[in-house]
Amino acid sequence: MTALAGKAPTPAASPLAAQTSVAAPPLARNPRKTRLAALVFLAVYPLVTVLMMGLMPLTPNWPLPLRTLVMVPVVVISMVWAIIPFIMSRLRHLL
């Protein structure tokens, strides 16, 4: 240790160290938001339509906010655990 710097001297970089360093892997490309939004729309629209068609005969006299309260958890769970993971893994090449 030198008294002036208070740090241990660093060894000089050798040409061999520069040759043997491993390059970092390329970073994954972030999806384009417009394409992701379009793919999510293409998956969610049919899901919402089918759910509404199935829910309406079961709840004929319910007000719309109550029907929505029943339907939204199904849509959100489907998006979080099925639709978005499917798009990000299987349809990643389209993003």
N, C-alpha and C. Protein backbone atom coordinates (compact mmCIF):
# COMPACT_ATOMS: atom_id res chain seq x y z
N MET A 1 0.83 -1.18 0.00
CA MET A 1 0.00 0.00 0.00
C MET A 1 0.87 1.24 0.00
N THR A 2 0.47 2.17 -0.78
CA THR A 2 1.21 3.42 -0.78
C THR A 2 0.62 4.34 0.26
N ALA A 3 1.42 5.14 0.82
CA ALA A 3 0.96 6.02 1.89
C ALA A 3 0.12 7.17 1.35
N LEU A 4 0.38 7.60 0.11
CA LEU A 4 -0.33 8.74 -0.45
C LEU A 4 -1.75 8.39 -0.90
N ALA A 5 -1.90 7.31 -1.56
CA ALA A 5 -3.20 6.97 -2.13
C ALA A 5 -4.09 6.25 -1.13
N GLY A 6 -3.53 5.49 -0.23
CA GLY A 6 -4.33 4.76 0.73
C GLY A 6 -4.94 3.50 0.14
N LYS A 7 -4.58 3.16 -1.07
CA LYS A 7 -5.11 1.97 -1.74
C LYS A 7 -3.95 1.09 -2.18
N ALA A 8 -4.27 -0.16 -2.37
CA ALA A 8 -3.27 -1.08 -2.90
C ALA A 8 -3.12 -0.81 -4.39
N PRO A 9 -1.92 -0.88 -4.91
CA PRO A 9 -1.73 -0.65 -6.35
C PRO A 9 -2.41 -1.76 -7.15
N THR A 10 -3.02 -1.39 -8.26
CA THR A 10 -3.68 -2.37 -9.12
C THR A 10 -2.66 -2.92 -10.11
N PRO A 11 -2.75 -4.22 -10.39
CA PRO A 11 -1.80 -4.79 -11.36
C PRO A 11 -2.12 -4.27 -12.76
N ALA A 12 -1.09 -4.13 -13.56
CA ALA A 12 -1.27 -3.66 -14.94
C ALA A 12 -1.99 -4.74 -15.74
N ALA A 13 -2.89 -4.31 -16.59
CA ALA A 13 -3.64 -5.27 -17.42
C ALA A 13 -2.70 -5.90 -18.43
N SER A 14 -2.74 -7.20 -18.49
CA SER A 14 -1.87 -7.90 -19.42
C SER A 14 -2.61 -8.14 -20.72
N PRO A 15 -1.90 -8.24 -21.83
CA PRO A 15 -2.56 -8.52 -23.11
C PRO A 15 -3.28 -9.87 -23.09
N LEU A 16 -2.77 -10.81 -22.30
CA LEU A 16 -3.41 -12.12 -22.21
C LEU A 16 -4.79 -12.01 -21.56
N ALA A 17 -4.92 -11.16 -20.55
CA ALA A 17 -6.21 -10.97 -19.87
C ALA A 17 -7.24 -10.38 -20.83
N ALA A 18 -6.82 -9.48 -21.67
CA ALA A 18 -7.74 -8.87 -22.63
C ALA A 18 -8.19 -9.89 -23.68
N GLN A 19 -7.33 -10.82 -24.04
CA GLN A 19 -7.68 -11.82 -25.04
C GLN A 19 -8.60 -12.90 -24.50
N THR A 20 -8.51 -13.19 -23.22
CA THR A 20 -9.29 -14.29 -22.66
C THR A 20 -10.61 -13.83 -22.04
N SER A 21 -10.91 -12.54 -22.09
CA SER A 21 -12.17 -12.09 -21.49
C SER A 21 -13.34 -12.57 -22.35
N VAL A 22 -14.43 -12.88 -21.67
CA VAL A 22 -15.61 -13.39 -22.35
C VAL A 22 -16.57 -12.23 -22.56
N ALA A 23 -17.07 -12.11 -23.77
CA ALA A 23 -18.01 -11.03 -24.08
C ALA A 23 -19.36 -11.33 -23.43
N ALA A 24 -20.04 -10.30 -23.00
CA ALA A 24 -21.36 -10.46 -22.39
C ALA A 24 -22.37 -10.85 -23.47
N PRO A 25 -23.34 -11.68 -23.11
CA PRO A 25 -24.34 -12.07 -24.11
C PRO A 25 -25.19 -10.87 -24.49
N PRO A 26 -25.70 -10.85 -25.72
CA PRO A 26 -26.51 -9.71 -26.15
C PRO A 26 -27.78 -9.63 -25.30
N LEU A 27 -28.21 -8.41 -25.05
CA LEU A 27 -29.42 -8.21 -24.25
C LEU A 27 -30.65 -8.58 -25.07
N ALA A 28 -31.66 -9.09 -24.39
CA ALA A 28 -32.91 -9.43 -25.06
C ALA A 28 -33.59 -8.14 -25.51
N ARG A 29 -34.16 -8.20 -26.69
CA ARG A 29 -34.83 -7.03 -27.25
C ARG A 29 -36.17 -6.84 -26.56
N ASN A 30 -36.46 -5.62 -26.16
CA ASN A 30 -37.75 -5.32 -25.57
C ASN A 30 -38.84 -5.35 -26.64
N PRO A 31 -40.02 -5.88 -26.30
CA PRO A 31 -41.08 -5.92 -27.31
C PRO A 31 -41.60 -4.53 -27.62
N ARG A 32 -42.05 -4.36 -28.85
CA ARG A 32 -42.66 -3.09 -29.23
C ARG A 32 -44.04 -3.04 -28.59
N LYS A 33 -44.33 -1.93 -27.97
CA LYS A 33 -45.57 -1.82 -27.22
C LYS A 33 -46.80 -1.89 -28.11
N THR A 34 -46.72 -1.35 -29.30
CA THR A 34 -47.89 -1.39 -30.18
C THR A 34 -48.19 -2.81 -30.62
N ARG A 35 -47.16 -3.58 -30.93
CA ARG A 35 -47.39 -4.98 -31.33
C ARG A 35 -47.88 -5.82 -30.16
N LEU A 36 -47.31 -5.59 -28.98
CA LEU A 36 -47.76 -6.30 -27.79
C LEU A 36 -49.22 -5.96 -27.51
N ALA A 37 -49.57 -4.69 -27.60
CA ALA A 37 -50.96 -4.28 -27.37
C ALA A 37 -51.89 -4.93 -28.38
N ALA A 38 -51.47 -5.01 -29.63
CA ALA A 38 -52.31 -5.64 -30.65
C ALA A 38 -52.51 -7.13 -30.37
N LEU A 39 -51.44 -7.83 -29.99
CA LEU A 39 -51.57 -9.25 -29.69
C LEU A 39 -52.42 -9.50 -28.44
N VAL A 40 -52.27 -8.64 -27.44
CA VAL A 40 -53.12 -8.77 -26.25
C VAL A 40 -54.57 -8.51 -26.62
N PHE A 41 -54.82 -7.51 -27.44
CA PHE A 41 -56.19 -7.23 -27.88
C PHE A 41 -56.77 -8.43 -28.61
N LEU A 42 -56.00 -9.03 -29.51
CA LEU A 42 -56.48 -10.18 -30.28
C LEU A 42 -56.79 -11.38 -29.38
N ALA A 43 -56.16 -11.45 -28.24
CA ALA A 43 -56.43 -12.56 -27.31
C ALA A 43 -57.54 -12.22 -26.32
N VAL A 44 -57.60 -10.98 -25.86
CA VAL A 44 -58.55 -10.61 -24.82
C VAL A 44 -59.95 -10.37 -25.40
N TYR A 45 -60.06 -9.79 -26.57
CA TYR A 45 -61.37 -9.50 -27.14
C TYR A 45 -62.24 -10.76 -27.27
N PRO A 46 -61.74 -11.84 -27.85
CA PRO A 46 -62.57 -13.05 -27.92
C PRO A 46 -62.89 -13.61 -26.52
N LEU A 47 -61.93 -13.52 -25.61
CA LEU A 47 -62.18 -14.01 -24.25
C LEU A 47 -63.32 -13.23 -23.59
N VAL A 48 -63.30 -11.92 -23.69
CA VAL A 48 -64.34 -11.09 -23.09
C VAL A 48 -65.68 -11.37 -23.77
N THR A 49 -65.68 -11.51 -25.08
CA THR A 49 -66.92 -11.77 -25.81
C THR A 49 -67.54 -13.11 -25.38
N VAL A 50 -66.74 -14.14 -25.32
CA VAL A 50 -67.24 -15.46 -24.92
C VAL A 50 -67.72 -15.44 -23.47
N LEU A 51 -66.97 -14.77 -22.60
CA LEU A 51 -67.39 -14.69 -21.20
C LEU A 51 -68.72 -13.95 -21.07
N MET A 52 -68.87 -12.86 -21.80
CA MET A 52 -70.14 -12.13 -21.73
C MET A 52 -71.30 -12.97 -22.27
N MET A 53 -71.06 -13.67 -23.36
CA MET A 53 -72.11 -14.52 -23.93
C MET A 53 -72.48 -15.64 -22.96
N GLY A 54 -71.52 -16.17 -22.24
CA GLY A 54 -71.80 -17.23 -21.28
C GLY A 54 -72.40 -16.71 -19.99
N LEU A 55 -72.05 -15.48 -19.62
CA LEU A 55 -72.51 -14.92 -18.37
C LEU A 55 -73.91 -14.33 -18.47
N MET A 56 -74.29 -13.83 -19.61
CA MET A 56 -75.59 -13.17 -19.75
C MET A 56 -76.78 -14.10 -19.49
N PRO A 57 -76.80 -15.34 -19.99
CA PRO A 57 -77.93 -16.21 -19.66
C PRO A 57 -77.98 -16.61 -18.18
N LEU A 58 -76.82 -16.63 -17.53
CA LEU A 58 -76.78 -17.00 -16.12
C LEU A 58 -77.18 -15.84 -15.20
N THR A 59 -77.08 -14.62 -15.69
CA THR A 59 -77.37 -13.43 -14.89
C THR A 59 -78.29 -12.48 -15.65
N PRO A 60 -79.52 -12.90 -16.00
CA PRO A 60 -80.36 -12.08 -16.87
C PRO A 60 -80.81 -10.75 -16.27
N ASN A 61 -81.01 -10.68 -14.97
CA ASN A 61 -81.51 -9.45 -14.36
C ASN A 61 -80.46 -8.69 -13.57
N TRP A 62 -79.19 -9.08 -13.70
CA TRP A 62 -78.13 -8.41 -12.96
C TRP A 62 -77.77 -7.09 -13.65
N PRO A 63 -77.44 -6.08 -12.89
CA PRO A 63 -76.95 -4.84 -13.52
C PRO A 63 -75.55 -5.06 -14.11
N LEU A 64 -75.21 -4.25 -15.09
CA LEU A 64 -73.93 -4.38 -15.79
C LEU A 64 -72.72 -4.33 -14.85
N PRO A 65 -72.69 -3.42 -13.85
CA PRO A 65 -71.51 -3.41 -12.96
C PRO A 65 -71.31 -4.71 -12.20
N LEU A 66 -72.39 -5.38 -11.85
CA LEU A 66 -72.26 -6.65 -11.14
C LEU A 66 -71.75 -7.75 -12.07
N ARG A 67 -72.24 -7.77 -13.29
CA ARG A 67 -71.70 -8.73 -14.28
C ARG A 67 -70.22 -8.50 -14.51
N THR A 68 -69.86 -7.23 -14.62
CA THR A 68 -68.45 -6.89 -14.83
C THR A 68 -67.60 -7.32 -13.65
N LEU A 69 -68.14 -7.18 -12.44
CA LEU A 69 -67.43 -7.60 -11.24
C LEU A 69 -67.14 -9.09 -11.24
N VAL A 70 -68.01 -9.87 -11.84
CA VAL A 70 -67.81 -11.32 -11.93
C VAL A 70 -66.82 -11.64 -13.05
N MET A 71 -66.89 -10.91 -14.15
CA MET A 71 -66.09 -11.23 -15.33
C MET A 71 -64.64 -10.77 -15.23
N VAL A 72 -64.40 -9.59 -14.65
CA VAL A 72 -63.06 -9.01 -14.65
C VAL A 72 -62.02 -9.90 -13.96
N PRO A 73 -62.28 -10.51 -12.80
CA PRO A 73 -61.25 -11.39 -12.23
C PRO A 73 -60.86 -12.54 -13.16
N VAL A 74 -61.81 -13.08 -13.89
CA VAL A 74 -61.50 -14.17 -14.84
C VAL A 74 -60.58 -13.65 -15.94
N VAL A 75 -60.88 -12.46 -16.45
CA VAL A 75 -60.07 -11.87 -17.52
C VAL A 75 -58.66 -11.56 -17.01
N VAL A 76 -58.56 -10.96 -15.84
CA VAL A 76 -57.25 -10.58 -15.30
C VAL A 76 -56.40 -11.82 -15.02
N ILE A 77 -56.99 -12.81 -14.39
CA ILE A 77 -56.24 -14.05 -14.12
C ILE A 77 -55.79 -14.71 -15.42
N SER A 78 -56.67 -14.72 -16.41
CA SER A 78 -56.30 -15.29 -17.72
C SER A 78 -55.16 -14.52 -18.36
N MET A 79 -55.18 -13.20 -18.24
CA MET A 79 -54.12 -12.39 -18.83
C MET A 79 -52.78 -12.63 -18.13
N VAL A 80 -52.81 -12.63 -16.80
CA VAL A 80 -51.56 -12.73 -16.04
C VAL A 80 -50.92 -14.10 -16.14
N TRP A 81 -51.72 -15.16 -16.08
CA TRP A 81 -51.15 -16.50 -16.05
C TRP A 81 -51.23 -17.26 -17.37
N ALA A 82 -51.92 -16.74 -18.37
CA ALA A 82 -52.01 -17.48 -19.62
C ALA A 82 -51.69 -16.63 -20.85
N ILE A 83 -52.40 -15.54 -21.05
CA ILE A 83 -52.28 -14.79 -22.30
C ILE A 83 -50.92 -14.12 -22.44
N ILE A 84 -50.53 -13.31 -21.46
CA ILE A 84 -49.25 -12.59 -21.55
C ILE A 84 -48.07 -13.57 -21.57
N PRO A 85 -48.01 -14.58 -20.70
CA PRO A 85 -46.88 -15.52 -20.82
C PRO A 85 -46.84 -16.24 -22.17
N PHE A 86 -48.00 -16.57 -22.72
CA PHE A 86 -48.02 -17.23 -24.03
C PHE A 86 -47.47 -16.29 -25.10
N ILE A 87 -47.90 -15.05 -25.07
CA ILE A 87 -47.42 -14.08 -26.07
C ILE A 87 -45.92 -13.87 -25.93
N MET A 88 -45.45 -13.72 -24.69
CA MET A 88 -44.03 -13.42 -24.49
C MET A 88 -43.12 -14.61 -24.79
N SER A 89 -43.65 -15.83 -24.70
CA SER A 89 -42.80 -16.98 -24.97
C SER A 89 -43.01 -17.53 -26.38
N ARG A 90 -44.23 -17.83 -26.75
CA ARG A 90 -44.49 -18.49 -28.03
C ARG A 90 -44.60 -17.53 -29.20
N LEU A 91 -45.04 -16.30 -28.95
CA LEU A 91 -45.22 -15.34 -30.04
C LEU A 91 -44.18 -14.23 -29.99
N ARG A 92 -43.09 -14.45 -29.29
CA ARG A 92 -42.04 -13.43 -29.13
C ARG A 92 -41.49 -12.97 -30.48
N HIS A 93 -41.45 -13.85 -31.45
CA HIS A 93 -40.91 -13.49 -32.77
C HIS A 93 -41.79 -12.47 -33.49
N LEU A 94 -43.03 -12.32 -33.09
CA LEU A 94 -43.93 -11.34 -33.70
C LEU A 94 -43.82 -9.96 -33.08
N LEU A 95 -43.14 -9.87 -31.96
CA LEU A 95 -43.06 -8.58 -31.27
C LEU A 95 -41.98 -7.69 -31.83
